[in-house]
C-alpha atoms as a PDB file:
ATOM      1  CA  MET A   1      80.465  94.367 103.918  1.00  0.00           C
ATOM      2  CA  SER A   2      82.992  93.986 101.100  1.00  0.00           C
ATOM      3  CA  ILE A   3      83.177  97.754 100.565  1.00  0.00           C
ATOM      4  CA  GLY A   4      83.872  98.283 104.261  1.00  0.00           C
ATOM      5  CA  LEU A   5      86.612  95.644 104.244  1.00  0.00           C
ATOM      6  CA  PHE A   6      88.139  97.175 101.110  1.00  0.00           C
ATOM      7  CA  LEU A   7      88.154 100.679 102.585  1.00  0.00           C
ATOM      8  CA  THR A   8      89.561  99.423 105.891  1.00  0.00           C
ATOM      9  CA  THR A   9      92.394  97.638 104.086  1.00  0.00           C
ATOM     10  CA  LEU A  10      93.079 100.724 101.984  1.00  0.00           C
ATOM     11  CA  SER A  11      93.168 103.051 104.985  1.00  0.00           C
ATOM     12  CA  LEU A  12      95.398 100.646 106.929  1.00  0.00           C
ATOM     13  CA  GLY A  13      97.811 100.604 103.977  1.00  0.00           C
ATOM     14  CA  PHE A  14      97.899 104.407 103.894  1.00  0.00           C
ATOM     15  CA  PHE A  15      98.533 104.496 107.650  1.00  0.00           C
ATOM     16  CA  ILE A  16     101.434 102.022 107.413  1.00  0.00           C
ATOM     17  CA  SER A  17     102.864 103.910 104.436  1.00  0.00           C
ATOM     18  CA  SER A  18     102.764 107.207 106.330  1.00  0.00           C
ATOM     19  CA  PHE A  19     104.350 105.534 109.358  1.00  0.00           C
ATOM     20  CA  LEU A  20     107.146 104.108 107.196  1.00  0.00           C
ATOM     21  CA  VAL A  21     107.869 107.499 105.610  1.00  0.00           C
ATOM     22  CA  SER A  22     107.921 109.192 109.020  1.00  0.00           C
ATOM     23  CA  LEU A  23     110.194 106.506 110.428  1.00  0.00           C
ATOM     24  CA  VAL A  24     112.643 106.769 107.515  1.00  0.00           C
ATOM     25  CA  LYS A  25     112.722 110.568 107.757  1.00  0.00           C
ATOM     26  CA  ARG A  26     113.352 110.405 111.502  1.00  0.00           C
ATOM     27  CA  VAL A  27     116.044 107.705 111.351  1.00  0.00           C
ATOM     28  CA  THR A  28     117.979 108.952 108.307  1.00  0.00           C
ATOM     29  CA  GLY A  29     117.682 112.656 109.080  1.00  0.00           C
ATOM     30  CA  ILE A  30     119.541 112.639 112.395  1.00  0.00           C
ATOM     31  CA  HIS A  31     122.119 115.307 113.243  1.00  0.00           C
ATOM     32  CA  GLY A  32     120.334 117.937 111.154  1.00  0.00           C
ATOM     33  CA  GLY A  33     120.940 116.164 107.844  1.00  0.00           C
ATOM     34  CA  GLN A  34     118.450 115.921 105.013  1.00  0.00           C
ATOM     35  CA  GLY A  35     118.135 112.135 105.107  1.00  0.00           C
ATOM     36  CA  TRP A  36     116.793 109.912 102.378  1.00  0.00           C
ATOM     37  CA  LEU A  37     113.553 111.850 101.967  1.00  0.00           C
ATOM     38  CA  ALA A  38     114.689 115.451 101.808  1.00  0.00           C
ATOM     39  CA  ASP A  39     112.394 118.392 101.107  1.00  0.00           C
ATOM     40  CA  ASN A  40     114.378 119.072  97.935  1.00  0.00           C
ATOM     41  CA  ILE A  41     114.435 115.957  95.764  1.00  0.00           C
ATOM     42  CA  ASN A  42     117.929 116.791  94.494  1.00  0.00           C
ATOM     43  CA  TYR A  43     119.397 116.430  97.997  1.00  0.00           C
ATOM     44  CA  GLY A  44     117.559 113.257  98.983  1.00  0.00           C
ATOM     45  CA  ARG A  45     118.468 109.614  98.466  1.00  0.00           C
ATOM     46  CA  LEU A  46     115.280 108.169  96.977  1.00  0.00           C
ATOM     47  CA  ASP A  47     117.249 105.237  95.584  1.00  0.00           C
ATOM     48  CA  CYS A  48     117.935 104.034  99.126  1.00  0.00           C
ATOM     49  CA  PHE A  49     114.264 104.419 100.047  1.00  0.00           C
ATOM     50  CA  TYR A  50     113.169 102.382  97.025  1.00  0.00           C
ATOM     51  CA  TRP A  51     115.756  99.711  97.839  1.00  0.00           C
ATOM     52  CA  LEU A  52     114.236  99.552 101.318  1.00  0.00           C
ATOM     53  CA  LEU A  53     110.796  99.066  99.785  1.00  0.00           C
ATOM     54  CA  ALA A  54     112.158  96.346  97.485  1.00  0.00           C
ATOM     55  CA  ILE A  55     113.728  94.521 100.442  1.00  0.00           C
ATOM     56  CA  LEU A  56     110.494  94.728 102.443  1.00  0.00           C
ATOM     57  CA  SER A  57     108.544  93.388  99.443  1.00  0.00           C
ATOM     58  CA  PHE A  58     110.998  90.503  99.083  1.00  0.00           C
ATOM     59  CA  ILE A  59     110.654  89.641 102.783  1.00  0.00           C
ATOM     60  CA  ASN A  60     106.877  89.716 102.396  1.00  0.00           C
ATOM     61  CA  PHE A  61     107.146  87.352  99.397  1.00  0.00           C
ATOM     62  CA  VAL A  62     109.350  84.921 101.335  1.00  0.00           C
ATOM     63  CA  ILE A  63     106.837  84.875 104.201  1.00  0.00           C
ATOM     64  CA  TYR A  64     104.050  84.231 101.685  1.00  0.00           C
ATOM     65  CA  LEU A  65     105.988  81.312 100.178  1.00  0.00           C
ATOM     66  CA  ALA A  66     106.628  79.858 103.638  1.00  0.00           C
ATOM     67  CA  CYS A  67     102.919  80.043 104.463  1.00  0.00           C
ATOM     68  CA  ALA A  68     101.985  78.515 101.098  1.00  0.00           C
ATOM     69  CA  VAL A  69     104.330  75.556 101.662  1.00  0.00           C
ATOM     70  CA  TRP A  70     103.169  75.118 105.254  1.00  0.00           C
ATOM     71  CA  TYR A  71      99.437  75.180 104.398  1.00  0.00           C
ATOM     72  CA  LYS A  72      97.761  71.835 103.802  1.00  0.00           C
ATOM     73  CA  PRO A  73      94.147  71.875 102.622  1.00  0.00           C
ATOM     74  CA  GLY A  74      91.639  70.116 104.801  1.00  0.00           C
ATOM     75  CA  LYS A  75      89.331  67.327 103.761  1.00  0.00           C
ATOM     76  CA  THR A  76      86.394  68.374 101.642  1.00  0.00           C
ATOM     77  CA  LYS A  77      82.915  68.086 103.013  1.00  0.00           C
ATOM     78  CA  PRO A  78      80.608  65.587 101.361  1.00  0.00           C
ATOM     79  CA  GLY A  79      78.284  67.172  98.904  1.00  0.00           C
ATOM     80  CA  LEU A  80      77.373  67.342  95.260  1.00  0.00           C
ATOM     81  CA  GLU A  81      80.320  67.254  92.937  1.00  0.00           C
ATOM     82  CA  MET A  82      80.274  68.585  89.392  1.00  0.00           C
ATOM     83  CA  GLU A  83      80.774  65.132  87.901  1.00  0.00           C
ATOM     84  CA  LYS A  84      77.647  63.830  89.660  1.00  0.00           C
ATOM     85  CA  ILE A  85      75.665  66.862  88.580  1.00  0.00           C
ATOM     86  CA  ASN A  86      76.787  66.526  84.960  1.00  0.00           C
ATOM     87  CA  ARG A  87      75.981  62.787  84.956  1.00  0.00           C
ATOM     88  CA  ILE A  88      72.509  63.390  86.365  1.00  0.00           C
ATOM     89  CA  CYS A  89      71.916  66.230  83.936  1.00  0.00           C
ATOM     90  CA  SER A  90      72.998  64.202  80.887  1.00  0.00           C
ATOM     91  CA  GLU A  91      70.751  61.272  81.890  1.00  0.00           C
ATOM     92  CA  GLU A  92      67.734  63.555  82.200  1.00  0.00           C
ATOM     93  CA  LYS A  93      68.718  65.553  79.108  1.00  0.00           C
ATOM     94  CA  CYS A  94      68.666  68.918  80.859  1.00  0.00           C
END
């Protein structure tokens, strides 16, 4: 199951990446221009594309921080704790 989840996550990331590249090419290449992602790297504006990626990563980090602050862990279920196990083990000289 973990391999399937890993491969699904990987393929979803590739799909989103391809969608983002297509979207940037379509939006920045209007009116017959080369856009940020030109066929010839000398005519493109890769710096703008990487700034876009940096901004998206920053937004993702801010959302992560908001979720981390908002999350409150629930109460733990009763069960064996390590301290009890260690105490029992030391009394019986495991």
